[in-house]
N, C-alpha and C. Protein backbone atom coordinates (compact mmCIF):
# COMPACT_ATOMS: atom_id res chain seq x y z
N MET A 1 -14.95 -21.62 23.22
CA MET A 1 -13.44 -20.73 22.21
C MET A 1 -13.90 -20.93 20.81
N THR A 2 -14.27 -19.69 20.14
CA THR A 2 -14.50 -19.40 19.11
C THR A 2 -14.04 -18.87 18.24
N THR A 3 -14.11 -19.27 17.19
CA THR A 3 -13.27 -17.53 16.44
C THR A 3 -13.37 -16.89 16.54
N LEU A 4 -14.60 -16.28 16.86
CA LEU A 4 -14.71 -15.00 17.39
C LEU A 4 -14.24 -14.37 18.40
N ASP A 5 -14.09 -15.08 19.77
CA ASP A 5 -13.45 -15.31 20.64
C ASP A 5 -12.06 -15.01 20.42
N PHE A 6 -11.51 -15.74 19.61
CA PHE A 6 -9.66 -15.28 19.03
C PHE A 6 -9.31 -14.63 18.35
N TRP A 7 -10.71 -14.29 17.19
CA TRP A 7 -10.43 -12.52 16.60
C TRP A 7 -10.82 -11.07 17.63
N LYS A 8 -11.17 -11.65 18.28
CA LYS A 8 -11.71 -10.49 19.83
C LYS A 8 -10.22 -10.28 20.37
N PHE A 9 -9.85 -11.30 20.93
CA PHE A 9 -8.18 -11.57 21.52
C PHE A 9 -7.68 -11.29 21.02
N GLN A 10 -7.34 -11.18 19.66
CA GLN A 10 -5.98 -11.27 18.50
C GLN A 10 -5.96 -9.42 17.82
N TYR A 11 -7.23 -9.46 17.17
CA TYR A 11 -7.40 -8.83 15.93
C TYR A 11 -8.13 -7.64 16.60
N SER A 12 -8.06 -7.03 17.85
CA SER A 12 -9.08 -5.99 17.89
C SER A 12 -8.67 -4.42 17.64
N ASN A 13 -7.21 -4.60 17.69
CA ASN A 13 -6.63 -2.81 17.84
C ASN A 13 -7.27 -2.82 16.17
N LYS A 14 -7.53 -1.72 16.00
CA LYS A 14 -7.71 -1.92 14.30
C LYS A 14 -6.39 -1.55 14.00
N TYR A 15 -5.46 -0.46 15.12
CA TYR A 15 -4.51 0.31 14.82
C TYR A 15 -3.55 0.29 14.32
N PHE A 16 -3.22 -1.74 14.67
CA PHE A 16 -1.96 -2.64 14.35
C PHE A 16 -2.14 -3.46 13.38
N LEU A 17 -3.64 -3.26 12.72
CA LEU A 17 -4.15 -3.92 10.89
C LEU A 17 -4.34 -3.29 10.30
N GLN A 18 -3.29 -2.02 10.53
CA GLN A 18 -3.70 -0.69 9.32
C GLN A 18 -3.23 -1.15 7.85
N ASP A 19 -1.64 -1.67 7.86
CA ASP A 19 -1.94 -2.77 6.55
C ASP A 19 -2.59 -3.88 5.49
N ALA A 20 -3.09 -4.04 6.35
CA ALA A 20 -3.87 -5.07 6.13
C ALA A 20 -5.83 -4.27 5.62
N MET A 21 -5.53 -3.41 5.80
CA MET A 21 -6.79 -2.10 5.95
C MET A 21 -6.95 -1.93 4.72
N ALA A 22 -5.40 -0.87 4.42
CA ALA A 22 -4.86 -0.27 3.00
C ALA A 22 -5.62 -1.57 2.16
N GLU A 23 -4.59 -2.32 2.23
CA GLU A 23 -4.90 -2.96 0.91
C GLU A 23 -6.36 -3.82 0.77
N TYR A 24 -6.58 -3.69 1.47
CA TYR A 24 -8.37 -3.55 1.48
C TYR A 24 -9.40 -2.77 0.62
N ILE A 25 -8.66 -1.11 1.49
CA ILE A 25 -9.43 -0.62 1.14
C ILE A 25 -9.14 -0.10 -0.38
N VAL A 26 -7.52 -0.30 -0.57
CA VAL A 26 -7.27 0.18 -1.56
C VAL A 26 -7.93 -1.25 -3.26
N ALA A 27 -7.54 -2.68 -2.44
CA ALA A 27 -8.86 -3.44 -3.62
C ALA A 27 -10.35 -3.41 -3.41
N SER A 28 -11.00 -2.72 -2.22
CA SER A 28 -12.51 -1.98 -2.87
C SER A 28 -12.33 -1.10 -3.38
N ALA A 29 -11.04 -0.17 -3.69
CA ALA A 29 -11.60 1.12 -4.36
C ALA A 29 -10.85 1.05 -6.04
N LEU A 30 -10.99 -0.48 -6.69
CA LEU A 30 -10.81 -0.82 -7.76
C LEU A 30 -11.37 -1.86 -8.11
N GLY A 31 -12.14 -2.45 -7.07
CA GLY A 31 -13.50 -3.23 -6.69
C GLY A 31 -12.92 -4.60 -6.99
N VAL A 32 -12.15 -5.36 -6.56
CA VAL A 32 -11.42 -6.65 -6.38
C VAL A 32 -11.81 -7.11 -5.57
N LYS A 33 -12.38 -8.16 -5.94
CA LYS A 33 -13.63 -8.81 -4.62
C LYS A 33 -12.02 -9.85 -3.52
N LYS A 34 -11.36 -10.62 -3.86
CA LYS A 34 -9.93 -11.05 -4.00
C LYS A 34 -8.83 -10.92 -3.26
N SER A 35 -8.29 -11.26 -2.21
CA SER A 35 -7.17 -10.76 -1.90
C SER A 35 -5.83 -11.36 -2.70
N ASN A 36 -4.37 -11.17 -2.97
CA ASN A 36 -4.00 -12.41 -3.66
C ASN A 36 -3.10 -12.33 -2.90
N ASN A 37 -2.75 -11.84 -1.78
CA ASN A 37 -1.66 -12.19 -1.20
C ASN A 37 -1.72 -12.83 0.41
N CYS A 38 -3.08 -13.83 -0.13
CA CYS A 38 -3.30 -13.95 0.83
C CYS A 38 -2.55 -15.27 2.03
N ASP A 39 -0.97 -15.50 1.11
CA ASP A 39 -0.43 -16.58 2.07
C ASP A 39 0.60 -15.09 2.34
N TYR A 40 0.77 -14.24 2.31
CA TYR A 40 1.65 -12.96 3.30
C TYR A 40 2.94 -12.76 2.39
N TRP A 41 2.93 -13.77 1.70
CA TRP A 41 4.80 -13.24 0.85
C TRP A 41 4.95 -13.70 -0.47
N ALA A 42 2.76 -12.95 -1.29
CA ALA A 42 2.66 -12.74 -2.70
C ALA A 42 3.84 -11.64 -3.09
N LEU A 43 4.06 -11.31 -4.47
CA LEU A 43 4.97 -10.25 -4.50
C LEU A 43 4.20 -9.48 -5.07
N TYR A 44 3.63 -9.08 -4.93
CA TYR A 44 2.65 -7.78 -4.75
C TYR A 44 1.28 -8.21 -4.19
N ASP A 45 0.34 -6.91 -3.96
CA ASP A 45 -0.76 -6.98 -3.13
C ASP A 45 -2.38 -7.41 -4.16
N VAL A 46 -2.61 -6.39 -4.41
CA VAL A 46 -3.76 -6.53 -5.74
C VAL A 46 -3.62 -7.03 -7.26
N ASP A 47 -4.33 -7.65 -7.56
CA ASP A 47 -4.61 -8.28 -9.02
C ASP A 47 -5.22 -7.58 -9.75
N TYR A 48 -5.85 -6.21 -10.32
CA TYR A 48 -5.97 -5.35 -10.69
C TYR A 48 -6.49 -5.85 -12.15
N LYS A 49 -7.91 -6.25 -12.95
CA LYS A 49 -7.62 -6.10 -14.00
C LYS A 49 -8.33 -4.71 -14.74
N ASN A 50 -7.35 -4.12 -15.58
CA ASN A 50 -7.76 -3.02 -16.17
C ASN A 50 -7.66 -3.19 -18.07
N GLY A 51 -9.17 -2.62 -18.89
CA GLY A 51 -9.13 -3.50 -19.67
C GLY A 51 -8.94 -5.51 -20.22
N ASN A 52 -7.28 -5.87 -21.39
CA ASN A 52 -6.97 -7.21 -21.71
C ASN A 52 -6.38 -7.34 -20.20
N LYS A 53 -5.60 -6.41 -19.68
CA LYS A 53 -4.69 -7.81 -18.95
C LYS A 53 -4.25 -6.81 -18.04
N ASN A 54 -3.61 -7.37 -16.67
CA ASN A 54 -3.95 -7.67 -14.68
C ASN A 54 -2.05 -6.61 -14.59
N TYR A 55 -2.58 -5.74 -13.89
CA TYR A 55 -1.17 -5.42 -13.88
C TYR A 55 -1.68 -5.11 -12.01
N ARG A 56 -0.52 -5.69 -11.05
CA ARG A 56 0.18 -5.92 -10.23
C ARG A 56 0.53 -4.33 -9.21
N ILE A 57 -0.75 -4.88 -8.19
CA ILE A 57 -0.58 -3.52 -7.50
C ILE A 57 -0.59 -3.33 -6.35
N GLU A 58 0.82 -2.60 -5.63
CA GLU A 58 1.38 -3.13 -3.92
C GLU A 58 1.56 -2.10 -3.35
N VAL A 59 1.14 -2.21 -2.68
CA VAL A 59 0.48 -1.30 -1.01
C VAL A 59 1.12 -0.69 0.10
N LYS A 60 1.64 0.07 -0.04
CA LYS A 60 2.47 0.99 1.13
C LYS A 60 1.45 1.55 2.10
N GLU A 61 1.56 1.14 3.58
CA GLU A 61 1.11 2.20 4.67
C GLU A 61 1.85 2.29 5.36
N THR A 62 2.18 3.87 5.83
CA THR A 62 2.11 4.41 6.91
C THR A 62 0.79 5.15 7.69
N SER A 63 1.42 5.73 9.09
CA SER A 63 0.15 6.75 9.44
C SER A 63 1.56 7.14 10.54
N TYR A 64 0.54 8.57 10.97
CA TYR A 64 1.30 9.54 12.39
C TYR A 64 1.07 8.64 14.08
N TYR A 65 -0.12 8.33 13.69
CA TYR A 65 0.16 8.17 14.91
C TYR A 65 -0.05 6.36 14.72
N HIS A 66 0.38 6.12 16.40
CA HIS A 66 1.12 4.52 16.80
C HIS A 66 -0.05 4.67 18.38
N PRO A 67 -0.62 3.61 18.39
CA PRO A 67 -1.16 3.27 20.01
C PRO A 67 0.02 3.41 20.62
N TRP A 68 1.69 3.28 20.15
CA TRP A 68 2.35 2.80 21.59
C TRP A 68 3.05 4.06 22.35
N ASN A 69 2.75 5.54 21.03
CA ASN A 69 2.99 6.60 21.28
C ASN A 69 2.28 7.38 22.13
N LYS A 70 3.06 7.52 23.49
CA LYS A 70 2.99 7.98 24.90
C LYS A 70 2.38 9.55 24.74
N ASN A 71 1.36 10.18 24.92
CA ASN A 71 0.98 11.12 25.17
C ASN A 71 0.76 12.06 23.24
N ASP A 72 0.16 11.40 22.60
CA ASP A 72 0.19 11.34 21.32
C ASP A 72 1.51 11.86 20.50
N LYS A 73 2.75 11.68 21.19
CA LYS A 73 3.79 11.97 20.28
C LYS A 73 4.39 11.46 19.45
N VAL A 74 4.33 12.55 17.63
CA VAL A 74 5.12 12.13 16.82
C VAL A 74 5.54 12.28 16.12
N SER A 75 6.16 11.36 15.29
CA SER A 75 7.44 12.30 14.11
C SER A 75 6.43 12.12 13.16
N ASN A 76 7.09 13.60 12.40
CA ASN A 76 6.70 13.92 11.17
C ASN A 76 7.45 12.96 10.01
N GLN A 77 8.10 12.01 10.32
CA GLN A 77 9.36 12.01 9.31
C GLN A 77 8.57 10.25 9.12
N ARG A 78 8.15 10.18 7.30
CA ARG A 78 7.48 8.37 7.71
C ARG A 78 7.47 8.29 6.00
N THR A 79 8.27 6.51 6.84
CA THR A 79 8.83 5.82 5.81
C THR A 79 7.86 5.06 4.70
N PHE A 80 7.98 4.30 3.20
CA PHE A 80 8.07 2.98 3.29
C PHE A 80 8.62 2.47 2.29
N GLY A 81 8.72 0.80 2.85
CA GLY A 81 9.63 0.06 2.22
C GLY A 81 8.89 -0.53 0.74
N ILE A 82 10.30 0.26 0.03
CA ILE A 82 10.44 -0.19 -1.58
C ILE A 82 10.93 -1.90 -2.08
N THR A 83 11.58 -2.66 -1.35
CA THR A 83 12.70 -3.51 -1.26
C THR A 83 12.22 -4.31 -2.42
N LYS A 84 13.18 -4.74 -2.98
CA LYS A 84 13.75 -5.31 -4.20
C LYS A 84 12.92 -7.05 -4.27
N ALA A 85 12.31 -7.95 -4.59
CA ALA A 85 12.00 -9.71 -4.06
C ALA A 85 12.41 -10.13 -5.33
N ASN A 86 12.90 -11.05 -4.96
CA ASN A 86 13.20 -12.88 -6.14
C ASN A 86 11.68 -12.95 -6.42
N SER A 87 12.42 -12.42 -8.17
CA SER A 87 10.97 -12.42 -9.02
C SER A 87 11.24 -14.28 -9.11
N ASN A 88 11.70 -15.65 -8.66
CA ASN A 88 11.69 -16.79 -8.59
C ASN A 88 10.91 -17.20 -7.42
N TYR A 89 10.16 -16.40 -6.42
CA TYR A 89 9.77 -17.11 -5.21
C TYR A 89 8.44 -17.76 -5.63
N GLU A 90 7.58 -17.45 -6.41
CA GLU A 90 6.26 -18.29 -7.04
C GLU A 90 6.65 -18.82 -7.27
N ASN A 91 7.48 -18.96 -8.78
CA ASN A 91 7.85 -19.82 -9.92
C ASN A 91 9.80 -20.19 -10.50
N GLU A 92 10.01 -21.34 -9.80
CA GLU A 92 11.48 -21.55 -9.81
C GLU A 92 11.74 -21.79 -11.10
N ASP A 93 10.77 -21.62 -12.00
CA ASP A 93 11.53 -22.31 -13.80
C ASP A 93 11.75 -20.55 -13.85
N ILE A 94 11.70 -19.73 -13.94
CA ILE A 94 12.01 -18.40 -14.26
C ILE A 94 13.63 -17.98 -13.91
N GLU A 95 13.93 -16.86 -14.56
CA GLU A 95 15.28 -16.53 -14.14
C GLU A 95 15.32 -15.90 -12.68
N ASN A 96 16.38 -16.24 -12.00
CA ASN A 96 16.60 -15.36 -10.34
C ASN A 96 16.91 -14.07 -10.71
N LYS A 97 15.88 -12.92 -10.58
CA LYS A 97 15.87 -11.65 -10.41
C LYS A 97 15.24 -11.11 -9.49
N PHE A 98 16.37 -9.74 -9.10
CA PHE A 98 15.89 -9.35 -7.63
C PHE A 98 15.17 -7.87 -8.61
N GLU A 99 13.43 -7.64 -8.16
CA GLU A 99 13.34 -6.63 -8.58
C GLU A 99 11.86 -6.25 -7.97
N ARG A 100 11.54 -5.14 -8.52
CA ARG A 100 10.35 -4.53 -8.20
C ARG A 100 9.12 -5.53 -8.83
N GLN A 101 8.23 -6.13 -7.77
CA GLN A 101 7.77 -6.97 -9.41
C GLN A 101 5.96 -6.62 -8.98
N ASN A 102 5.71 -5.17 -8.72
CA ASN A 102 4.75 -4.48 -9.48
C ASN A 102 4.80 -3.74 -10.52
N ASP A 103 3.06 -2.86 -11.07
CA ASP A 103 2.99 -2.43 -12.17
C ASP A 103 2.78 -0.91 -11.37
N ILE A 104 2.82 -1.21 -10.34
CA ILE A 104 1.56 0.39 -9.49
C ILE A 104 2.02 0.02 -8.17
N TYR A 105 2.50 1.36 -7.73
CA TYR A 105 2.70 1.52 -6.45
C TYR A 105 1.27 2.66 -5.40
N VAL A 106 0.88 2.03 -5.17
CA VAL A 106 -0.94 2.57 -3.71
C VAL A 106 0.06 3.17 -2.76
N PHE A 107 0.81 4.36 -2.14
CA PHE A 107 0.87 4.46 -1.08
C PHE A 107 0.18 5.52 -0.07
N CYS A 108 -0.24 4.85 1.24
CA CYS A 108 -1.41 5.08 1.83
C CYS A 108 -1.53 5.64 2.97
N LEU A 109 -1.24 7.49 3.96
CA LEU A 109 -1.18 7.65 4.59
C LEU A 109 -2.03 7.75 5.30
N VAL A 110 -2.20 7.36 6.45
CA VAL A 110 -3.50 7.94 7.54
C VAL A 110 -3.14 9.44 8.21
N ASN A 111 -4.08 10.15 7.98
CA ASN A 111 -3.72 11.47 8.86
C ASN A 111 -4.40 11.46 10.16
N GLY A 112 -4.11 12.42 11.05
CA GLY A 112 -4.58 12.38 12.36
C GLY A 112 -3.74 11.84 13.64
N LYS A 113 -2.72 12.69 13.80
CA LYS A 113 -1.83 12.70 15.13
C LYS A 113 -2.51 11.80 16.37
N ASN A 114 -3.63 12.12 16.75
CA ASN A 114 -3.92 11.31 17.45
C ASN A 114 -5.14 10.18 18.02
N GLU A 115 -5.61 9.25 18.71
CA GLU A 115 -6.42 8.52 18.75
C GLU A 115 -7.41 8.56 17.81
N LYS A 116 -8.14 9.12 18.22
CA LYS A 116 -9.41 10.14 17.30
C LYS A 116 -9.39 10.58 16.45
N ASP A 117 -8.17 11.08 15.80
CA ASP A 117 -8.80 11.65 14.26
C ASP A 117 -7.30 10.77 13.20
N ALA A 118 -6.64 9.80 14.17
CA ALA A 118 -6.16 8.57 13.08
C ALA A 118 -7.31 7.16 12.92
N ASP A 119 -8.41 7.59 13.37
CA ASP A 119 -8.62 6.02 13.38
C ASP A 119 -9.07 5.55 11.83
N PRO A 120 -8.24 4.80 11.57
CA PRO A 120 -8.03 3.82 10.03
C PRO A 120 -9.69 3.49 9.40
N LEU A 121 -10.72 2.76 10.40
CA LEU A 121 -11.88 3.19 10.00
C LEU A 121 -12.79 4.01 9.45
N ASN A 122 -12.26 5.44 9.37
CA ASN A 122 -13.17 6.78 8.73
C ASN A 122 -12.34 6.35 7.33
N LEU A 123 -12.48 6.51 6.51
CA LEU A 123 -11.82 6.43 4.90
C LEU A 123 -11.58 8.16 4.74
N ASN A 124 -12.16 9.01 5.48
CA ASN A 124 -11.48 10.25 5.24
C ASN A 124 -10.71 10.68 5.69
N ASN A 125 -10.27 9.95 6.94
CA ASN A 125 -8.66 10.06 7.27
C ASN A 125 -7.22 9.36 6.34
N TRP A 126 -7.60 8.60 5.20
CA TRP A 126 -7.00 8.34 4.58
C TRP A 126 -6.46 9.01 3.40
N GLN A 127 -5.06 9.26 2.97
CA GLN A 127 -4.57 9.65 1.72
C GLN A 127 -3.76 9.09 0.95
N PHE A 128 -4.03 9.11 -0.53
CA PHE A 128 -3.54 7.89 -1.24
C PHE A 128 -2.93 8.64 -2.51
N TYR A 129 -1.67 8.33 -2.65
CA TYR A 129 -0.05 8.13 -3.16
C TYR A 129 -0.11 7.23 -4.41
N VAL A 130 -0.10 7.79 -6.17
CA VAL A 130 0.11 6.53 -6.62
C VAL A 130 1.31 6.45 -7.89
N VAL A 131 2.33 5.56 -7.77
CA VAL A 131 3.13 5.91 -8.90
C VAL A 131 3.60 5.45 -8.85
N ARG A 132 4.02 5.07 -10.27
CA ARG A 132 4.41 3.96 -11.58
C ARG A 132 5.32 3.29 -10.64
N THR A 133 5.81 2.10 -10.79
CA THR A 133 7.10 1.40 -10.49
C THR A 133 8.28 1.74 -11.12
N GLU A 134 7.73 1.88 -12.35
CA GLU A 134 8.98 2.41 -13.57
C GLU A 134 9.70 3.78 -12.45
N VAL A 135 8.60 4.60 -12.39
CA VAL A 135 8.63 5.46 -12.60
C VAL A 135 9.84 5.82 -10.63
N ILE A 136 9.72 4.62 -9.68
CA ILE A 136 10.17 4.20 -8.09
C ILE A 136 11.47 3.96 -8.83
N ASN A 137 12.03 3.49 -9.59
CA ASN A 137 12.73 2.46 -10.33
C ASN A 137 13.67 2.69 -10.49
N LYS A 138 13.01 4.23 -11.37
CA LYS A 138 14.26 5.67 -11.97
C LYS A 138 15.14 6.34 -10.76
N VAL A 139 14.08 6.59 -10.06
CA VAL A 139 14.42 8.06 -9.31
C VAL A 139 14.92 7.25 -8.48
N CYS A 140 13.85 5.69 -7.53
CA CYS A 140 14.98 4.93 -6.70
C CYS A 140 16.16 4.59 -6.55
N GLY A 141 16.43 3.87 -7.46
CA GLY A 141 17.34 2.84 -7.95
C GLY A 141 16.77 1.16 -7.02
N ASP A 142 17.88 1.18 -5.95
CA ASP A 142 18.22 0.44 -5.23
C ASP A 142 17.82 -0.19 -3.98
N ASN A 143 17.34 1.53 -3.78
CA ASN A 143 17.23 2.03 -2.47
C ASN A 143 15.83 0.57 -1.87
N LYS A 144 16.22 0.88 -0.70
CA LYS A 144 14.49 -0.38 0.51
C LYS A 144 13.91 0.58 1.07
N THR A 145 13.86 2.02 0.82
CA THR A 145 12.97 2.82 1.42
C THR A 145 12.56 4.22 0.73
N ILE A 146 11.77 4.33 0.85
CA ILE A 146 11.45 6.39 0.49
C ILE A 146 10.44 6.70 1.61
N SER A 147 10.52 7.93 1.29
CA SER A 147 10.18 8.80 2.43
C SER A 147 8.82 9.50 2.08
N LEU A 148 8.34 9.44 2.65
CA LEU A 148 6.75 10.48 1.99
C LEU A 148 6.88 11.42 1.75
N GLY A 149 7.62 12.92 1.58
CA GLY A 149 7.88 13.98 1.44
C GLY A 149 8.42 12.94 -0.05
N LYS A 150 8.95 12.32 -0.52
CA LYS A 150 9.50 11.68 -1.57
C LYS A 150 8.35 11.06 -2.52
N VAL A 151 8.13 10.37 -1.87
CA VAL A 151 6.56 9.91 -2.89
C VAL A 151 6.01 11.04 -2.76
N GLN A 152 5.20 12.22 -2.38
CA GLN A 152 4.35 13.54 -2.88
C GLN A 152 5.02 13.70 -3.66
N GLN A 153 6.13 14.09 -4.09
CA GLN A 153 6.97 15.26 -5.25
C GLN A 153 6.79 13.96 -6.18
N LEU A 154 6.39 12.83 -5.80
CA LEU A 154 6.28 11.63 -7.67
C LEU A 154 5.08 11.45 -7.73
N ALA A 155 4.06 11.07 -6.64
CA ALA A 155 2.65 11.02 -7.20
C ALA A 155 2.35 12.65 -7.63
N LYS A 156 2.73 13.71 -7.21
CA LYS A 156 2.41 14.65 -7.67
C LYS A 156 0.95 15.16 -6.71
N LYS A 157 0.45 14.24 -6.08
CA LYS A 157 -0.75 15.07 -5.83
C LYS A 157 -1.38 13.74 -4.58
N SER A 158 -1.80 13.78 -4.14
CA SER A 158 -3.07 13.21 -3.42
C SER A 158 -4.08 12.66 -3.76
N VAL A 159 -5.06 12.21 -3.41
CA VAL A 159 -6.16 11.41 -3.68
C VAL A 159 -6.72 11.08 -2.70
N ARG A 160 -8.57 11.43 -2.78
CA ARG A 160 -9.13 10.37 -1.71
C ARG A 160 -9.74 8.53 -2.57
N TYR A 161 -10.23 8.42 -1.46
CA TYR A 161 -10.71 6.72 -1.26
C TYR A 161 -11.46 6.51 -3.25
N ASP A 162 -12.84 7.91 -3.37
CA ASP A 162 -13.44 7.89 -4.17
C ASP A 162 -12.71 8.23 -5.41
N GLU A 163 -11.29 8.72 -5.82
CA GLU A 163 -10.96 9.27 -6.74
C GLU A 163 -9.60 7.90 -7.09
N LEU A 164 -10.16 7.20 -5.78
CA LEU A 164 -8.69 6.43 -6.42
C LEU A 164 -8.65 5.45 -7.80
N LYS A 165 -9.72 4.83 -8.02
CA LYS A 165 -9.43 4.16 -9.18
C LYS A 165 -9.05 4.88 -10.79
N GLU A 166 -9.67 5.78 -10.37
CA GLU A 166 -9.52 7.32 -11.35
C GLU A 166 -7.99 7.17 -11.37
N GLU A 167 -7.60 8.04 -10.38
CA GLU A 167 -6.12 8.28 -10.19
C GLU A 167 -5.17 6.78 -10.94
N VAL A 168 -5.09 5.27 -9.77
CA VAL A 168 -4.57 4.49 -10.52
C VAL A 168 -4.48 4.04 -12.49
N ASP A 169 -5.83 4.08 -12.76
CA ASP A 169 -6.55 3.64 -14.38
C ASP A 169 -5.44 5.31 -15.02
N ARG A 170 -5.55 5.78 -14.68
CA ARG A 170 -4.68 7.10 -15.38
C ARG A 170 -3.17 7.15 -15.51
N GLU A 171 -2.25 6.63 -13.92
CA GLU A 171 -0.77 5.91 -14.01
C GLU A 171 -0.85 4.44 -14.79
N ILE A 172 -2.36 3.80 -14.69
CA ILE A 172 -1.92 2.67 -15.92
C ILE A 172 -1.43 3.22 -17.37
N ALA A 173 -2.38 4.11 -17.41
CA ALA A 173 -2.21 4.45 -19.30
C ALA A 173 -1.18 5.67 -19.45
N ASN A 174 -0.05 5.70 -18.74
CA ASN A 174 1.09 6.31 -18.77
C ASN A 174 2.82 5.35 -18.62
N ILE A 175 1.55 3.88 -17.89
CA ILE A 175 2.97 3.00 -17.86
C ILE A 175 3.73 2.99 -19.23
N ASN A 176 5.01 3.14 -19.56
CA ASN A 176 5.97 2.33 -20.57
C ASN A 176 5.25 4.31 -21.36
N LYS A 177 5.21 5.03 -21.22
CA LYS A 177 5.34 6.16 -22.50
C LYS A 177 6.69 6.63 -22.48
């Protein structure tokens, strides 16, 4: 029995790992080498340094294709979780507030409605939407989810992997303007 045997057994279905892949892809695009959510319960996913400041990036993922859907039957309705979190989870000395603990959201969509066209290992199958958390707070208030359609309206455009860093930097420049 080896670690590789375990990985092959437990983690060989790439479609079940798309959320972790999305976090890795976003971090990779931003040049971040280490995950900030190794404990899984971190309040955001990627710690991104821009200039002299660190920004907290929350990565959310969805797709049309799911391996459990029979005959490639899919719903076009996609949503992302945007639930507020308890701020004293990581530091019990601070005031207990429920709020979104990040500066930027990167919403990730895997295109394709069948197994072949939705391969998450192909970066061309991903679309990314970058939205400042202050915009989410203003538009969504206490909502726990946001639809893909609303994300598309707020982001105004999707970007490819090779455009993601530039778009994140552009949104960071607009924080609190």
